[in-house]
Amino acid sequence: MTSSNLSTETVAEYTVYTKPACSQCDETKAYFDRKGIAFHEVDVTTNEGAFEYITEELGYSQVPVVVNNADDEDHWAGLRRDKLVQAAMHHKAA
């Protein structure tokens, strides 16, 4: 569920920071879509504040960067299948 597919009643569980032509970003978003996990996508090439957040505050130098909106300590960069599976398990339990 990309941000354009979210209704006003749906709260995004995750924020996915991406850039165009990023296969790992696409795979991460596709996984969340398949599992029905709501997320908000932010393109860091068009949002300078988001770029500064992931590089300066979180310390990442690659995308995707995924942030759990319920736990700001739960975040990762790159295609992390282990973290995606963990997110899906928490989503099912909720």
N, C-alpha and C. Protein backbone atom coordinates (compact mmCIF):
# COMPACT_ATOMS: atom_id res chain seq x y z
N MET A 1 0.84 -1.18 0.00
CA MET A 1 0.00 0.00 0.00
C MET A 1 0.88 1.24 0.00
N THR A 2 1.11 1.75 -1.13
CA THR A 2 1.90 2.97 -1.17
C THR A 2 1.08 4.12 -0.63
N SER A 3 1.73 5.23 -0.42
CA SER A 3 1.04 6.36 0.19
C SER A 3 -0.17 6.79 -0.62
N SER A 4 -0.11 6.61 -1.93
CA SER A 4 -1.25 7.01 -2.74
C SER A 4 -2.43 6.07 -2.57
N ASN A 5 -2.18 4.87 -2.05
CA ASN A 5 -3.26 3.90 -1.84
C ASN A 5 -3.81 3.93 -0.42
N LEU A 6 -3.24 4.73 0.44
CA LEU A 6 -3.69 4.77 1.82
C LEU A 6 -4.94 5.63 1.95
N SER A 7 -5.91 5.13 2.66
CA SER A 7 -7.08 5.95 2.94
C SER A 7 -6.74 6.83 4.14
N THR A 8 -7.58 7.80 4.41
CA THR A 8 -7.32 8.68 5.54
C THR A 8 -7.43 7.93 6.86
N GLU A 9 -8.08 6.78 6.86
CA GLU A 9 -8.23 6.00 8.08
C GLU A 9 -7.06 5.06 8.29
N THR A 10 -6.28 4.78 7.26
CA THR A 10 -5.17 3.85 7.37
C THR A 10 -3.92 4.59 7.84
N VAL A 11 -3.33 4.06 8.88
CA VAL A 11 -2.10 4.65 9.40
C VAL A 11 -0.95 3.79 8.87
N ALA A 12 0.02 4.43 8.24
CA ALA A 12 1.16 3.71 7.71
C ALA A 12 1.97 3.11 8.86
N GLU A 13 2.25 1.82 8.76
CA GLU A 13 3.05 1.16 9.78
C GLU A 13 4.53 1.50 9.62
N TYR A 14 4.94 1.75 8.39
CA TYR A 14 6.34 2.01 8.08
C TYR A 14 6.46 3.19 7.13
N THR A 15 7.61 3.84 7.17
CA THR A 15 7.98 4.82 6.15
C THR A 15 9.16 4.25 5.40
N VAL A 16 9.05 4.24 4.06
CA VAL A 16 10.10 3.71 3.21
C VAL A 16 10.70 4.88 2.42
N TYR A 17 11.96 5.17 2.70
CA TYR A 17 12.68 6.24 2.00
C TYR A 17 13.33 5.63 0.77
N THR A 18 13.04 6.18 -0.41
CA THR A 18 13.44 5.58 -1.66
C THR A 18 14.06 6.61 -2.60
N LYS A 19 14.45 6.13 -3.78
CA LYS A 19 14.84 6.98 -4.89
C LYS A 19 14.43 6.27 -6.18
N PRO A 20 14.31 6.99 -7.27
CA PRO A 20 13.92 6.36 -8.53
C PRO A 20 14.96 5.33 -9.00
N ALA A 21 14.49 4.36 -9.75
CA ALA A 21 15.35 3.32 -10.34
C ALA A 21 16.16 2.55 -9.30
N CYS A 22 15.53 2.25 -8.18
CA CYS A 22 16.18 1.52 -7.08
C CYS A 22 15.50 0.16 -6.94
N SER A 23 16.18 -0.89 -7.40
CA SER A 23 15.56 -2.21 -7.39
C SER A 23 15.30 -2.71 -5.96
N GLN A 24 16.20 -2.40 -5.02
CA GLN A 24 15.97 -2.83 -3.64
C GLN A 24 14.77 -2.09 -3.03
N CYS A 25 14.59 -0.83 -3.43
CA CYS A 25 13.42 -0.07 -2.97
C CYS A 25 12.15 -0.73 -3.51
N ASP A 26 12.16 -1.05 -4.80
CA ASP A 26 11.00 -1.67 -5.43
C ASP A 26 10.67 -3.01 -4.79
N GLU A 27 11.70 -3.81 -4.49
CA GLU A 27 11.47 -5.11 -3.86
C GLU A 27 10.90 -4.95 -2.45
N THR A 28 11.40 -3.98 -1.71
CA THR A 28 10.90 -3.73 -0.36
C THR A 28 9.43 -3.32 -0.40
N LYS A 29 9.09 -2.38 -1.29
CA LYS A 29 7.70 -1.93 -1.41
C LYS A 29 6.79 -3.06 -1.88
N ALA A 30 7.26 -3.87 -2.81
CA ALA A 30 6.46 -5.00 -3.31
C ALA A 30 6.20 -6.00 -2.19
N TYR A 31 7.19 -6.25 -1.33
CA TYR A 31 7.00 -7.17 -0.22
C TYR A 31 5.93 -6.65 0.73
N PHE A 32 6.03 -5.37 1.09
CA PHE A 32 5.01 -4.79 1.97
C PHE A 32 3.63 -4.87 1.32
N ASP A 33 3.54 -4.60 0.03
CA ASP A 33 2.25 -4.69 -0.66
C ASP A 33 1.70 -6.12 -0.60
N ARG A 34 2.55 -7.11 -0.88
CA ARG A 34 2.10 -8.52 -0.86
C ARG A 34 1.60 -8.92 0.52
N LYS A 35 2.22 -8.39 1.56
CA LYS A 35 1.85 -8.77 2.93
C LYS A 35 0.76 -7.87 3.51
N GLY A 36 0.33 -6.87 2.75
CA GLY A 36 -0.73 -5.99 3.23
C GLY A 36 -0.27 -5.02 4.31
N ILE A 37 1.01 -4.70 4.33
CA ILE A 37 1.57 -3.80 5.33
C ILE A 37 1.53 -2.38 4.80
N ALA A 38 0.85 -1.50 5.51
CA ALA A 38 0.71 -0.11 5.07
C ALA A 38 2.03 0.64 5.24
N PHE A 39 2.41 1.39 4.20
CA PHE A 39 3.63 2.19 4.29
C PHE A 39 3.45 3.49 3.54
N HIS A 40 4.28 4.44 3.93
CA HIS A 40 4.32 5.75 3.28
C HIS A 40 5.67 5.84 2.59
N GLU A 41 5.68 6.15 1.31
CA GLU A 41 6.91 6.24 0.54
C GLU A 41 7.36 7.70 0.46
N VAL A 42 8.66 7.92 0.68
CA VAL A 42 9.25 9.26 0.58
C VAL A 42 10.45 9.17 -0.36
N ASP A 43 10.41 9.94 -1.44
CA ASP A 43 11.52 9.99 -2.40
C ASP A 43 12.56 10.98 -1.90
N VAL A 44 13.73 10.48 -1.53
CA VAL A 44 14.76 11.36 -0.96
C VAL A 44 15.43 12.25 -2.00
N THR A 45 15.18 11.99 -3.29
CA THR A 45 15.76 12.86 -4.32
C THR A 45 14.94 14.13 -4.51
N THR A 46 13.72 14.14 -3.99
CA THR A 46 12.86 15.32 -4.12
C THR A 46 12.51 15.94 -2.77
N ASN A 47 12.98 15.34 -1.69
CA ASN A 47 12.68 15.82 -0.35
C ASN A 47 13.99 15.96 0.43
N GLU A 48 14.53 17.16 0.43
CA GLU A 48 15.84 17.40 1.06
C GLU A 48 15.82 17.10 2.55
N GLY A 49 14.72 17.41 3.22
CA GLY A 49 14.61 17.12 4.65
C GLY A 49 14.68 15.63 4.93
N ALA A 50 14.04 14.83 4.08
CA ALA A 50 14.08 13.38 4.24
C ALA A 50 15.49 12.84 4.00
N PHE A 51 16.16 13.40 2.99
CA PHE A 51 17.54 13.00 2.71
C PHE A 51 18.44 13.30 3.91
N GLU A 52 18.30 14.49 4.47
CA GLU A 52 19.10 14.85 5.65
C GLU A 52 18.78 13.94 6.83
N TYR A 53 17.50 13.60 7.01
CA TYR A 53 17.08 12.73 8.11
C TYR A 53 17.77 11.37 8.01
N ILE A 54 17.72 10.73 6.83
CA ILE A 54 18.29 9.38 6.73
C ILE A 54 19.81 9.38 6.75
N THR A 55 20.43 10.46 6.26
CA THR A 55 21.90 10.48 6.23
C THR A 55 22.50 11.03 7.51
N GLU A 56 21.98 12.15 7.99
CA GLU A 56 22.58 12.80 9.16
C GLU A 56 22.06 12.25 10.48
N GLU A 57 20.75 12.07 10.59
CA GLU A 57 20.20 11.60 11.87
C GLU A 57 20.32 10.09 12.04
N LEU A 58 19.99 9.35 10.97
CA LEU A 58 20.03 7.89 11.07
C LEU A 58 21.38 7.31 10.67
N GLY A 59 22.15 8.07 9.88
CA GLY A 59 23.50 7.63 9.52
C GLY A 59 23.59 6.68 8.34
N TYR A 60 22.56 6.61 7.51
CA TYR A 60 22.58 5.70 6.37
C TYR A 60 23.09 6.40 5.11
N SER A 61 23.69 5.60 4.22
CA SER A 61 24.21 6.13 2.97
C SER A 61 23.62 5.41 1.76
N GLN A 62 22.60 4.60 1.97
CA GLN A 62 21.93 3.89 0.88
C GLN A 62 20.45 3.84 1.15
N VAL A 63 19.69 3.60 0.09
CA VAL A 63 18.25 3.37 0.21
C VAL A 63 17.96 1.96 -0.29
N PRO A 64 16.85 1.38 0.07
CA PRO A 64 15.81 1.98 0.88
C PRO A 64 16.21 2.07 2.35
N VAL A 65 15.64 3.04 3.01
CA VAL A 65 15.70 3.12 4.46
C VAL A 65 14.27 2.92 4.93
N VAL A 66 14.08 1.98 5.84
CA VAL A 66 12.75 1.65 6.34
C VAL A 66 12.70 2.00 7.82
N VAL A 67 11.67 2.76 8.21
CA VAL A 67 11.50 3.16 9.60
C VAL A 67 10.14 2.66 10.08
N ASN A 68 10.16 1.95 11.20
CA ASN A 68 8.92 1.50 11.84
C ASN A 68 8.30 2.72 12.52
N ASN A 69 7.12 3.12 12.10
CA ASN A 69 6.50 4.32 12.65
C ASN A 69 6.03 4.16 14.09
N ALA A 70 5.95 2.93 14.58
CA ALA A 70 5.55 2.70 15.96
C ALA A 70 6.75 2.63 16.90
N ASP A 71 7.96 2.51 16.33
CA ASP A 71 9.17 2.36 17.14
C ASP A 71 10.32 2.99 16.38
N ASP A 72 10.63 4.23 16.69
CA ASP A 72 11.64 4.95 15.91
C ASP A 72 13.06 4.41 16.08
N GLU A 73 13.23 3.44 16.97
CA GLU A 73 14.52 2.76 17.10
C GLU A 73 14.63 1.59 16.14
N ASP A 74 13.52 1.19 15.53
CA ASP A 74 13.48 0.06 14.59
C ASP A 74 13.56 0.61 13.18
N HIS A 75 14.76 0.60 12.61
CA HIS A 75 14.95 1.06 11.24
C HIS A 75 16.14 0.34 10.63
N TRP A 76 16.17 0.29 9.32
CA TRP A 76 17.26 -0.38 8.62
C TRP A 76 17.41 0.19 7.21
N ALA A 77 18.55 -0.14 6.60
CA ALA A 77 18.82 0.29 5.23
C ALA A 77 19.10 -0.93 4.36
N GLY A 78 18.75 -0.81 3.09
CA GLY A 78 19.00 -1.89 2.14
C GLY A 78 17.87 -2.90 2.15
N LEU A 79 18.01 -3.89 1.30
CA LEU A 79 17.01 -4.95 1.21
C LEU A 79 17.34 -5.98 2.29
N ARG A 80 16.62 -5.91 3.39
CA ARG A 80 16.85 -6.78 4.54
C ARG A 80 15.68 -7.75 4.65
N ARG A 81 15.83 -8.90 4.01
CA ARG A 81 14.75 -9.89 4.03
C ARG A 81 14.40 -10.32 5.46
N ASP A 82 15.42 -10.41 6.33
CA ASP A 82 15.16 -10.79 7.72
C ASP A 82 14.25 -9.78 8.41
N LYS A 83 14.50 -8.49 8.17
CA LYS A 83 13.67 -7.45 8.78
C LYS A 83 12.28 -7.40 8.15
N LEU A 84 12.20 -7.68 6.86
CA LEU A 84 10.89 -7.70 6.20
C LEU A 84 10.03 -8.83 6.75
N VAL A 85 10.63 -10.00 6.93
CA VAL A 85 9.89 -11.14 7.51
C VAL A 85 9.45 -10.80 8.93
N GLN A 86 10.34 -10.17 9.70
CA GLN A 86 9.99 -9.76 11.06
C GLN A 86 8.82 -8.77 11.04
N ALA A 87 8.83 -7.82 10.10
CA ALA A 87 7.74 -6.85 9.98
C ALA A 87 6.44 -7.57 9.65
N ALA A 88 6.49 -8.55 8.78
CA ALA A 88 5.28 -9.30 8.41
C ALA A 88 4.75 -10.10 9.59
N MET A 89 5.65 -10.66 10.38
CA MET A 89 5.21 -11.42 11.56
C MET A 89 4.52 -10.50 12.57
N HIS A 90 5.08 -9.33 12.80
CA HIS A 90 4.46 -8.37 13.72
C HIS A 90 3.12 -7.88 13.18
N HIS A 91 3.04 -7.72 11.87
CA HIS A 91 1.80 -7.27 11.24
C HIS A 91 0.69 -8.30 11.44
N LYS A 92 1.02 -9.58 11.26
CA LYS A 92 0.03 -10.65 11.46
C LYS A 92 -0.45 -10.72 12.89
N ALA A 93 0.47 -10.49 13.83
CA ALA A 93 0.14 -10.58 15.25
C ALA A 93 -0.76 -9.43 15.70
N ALA A 94 -0.70 -8.33 14.99
CA ALA A 94 -1.46 -7.15 15.39
C ALA A 94 -2.93 -7.29 15.10
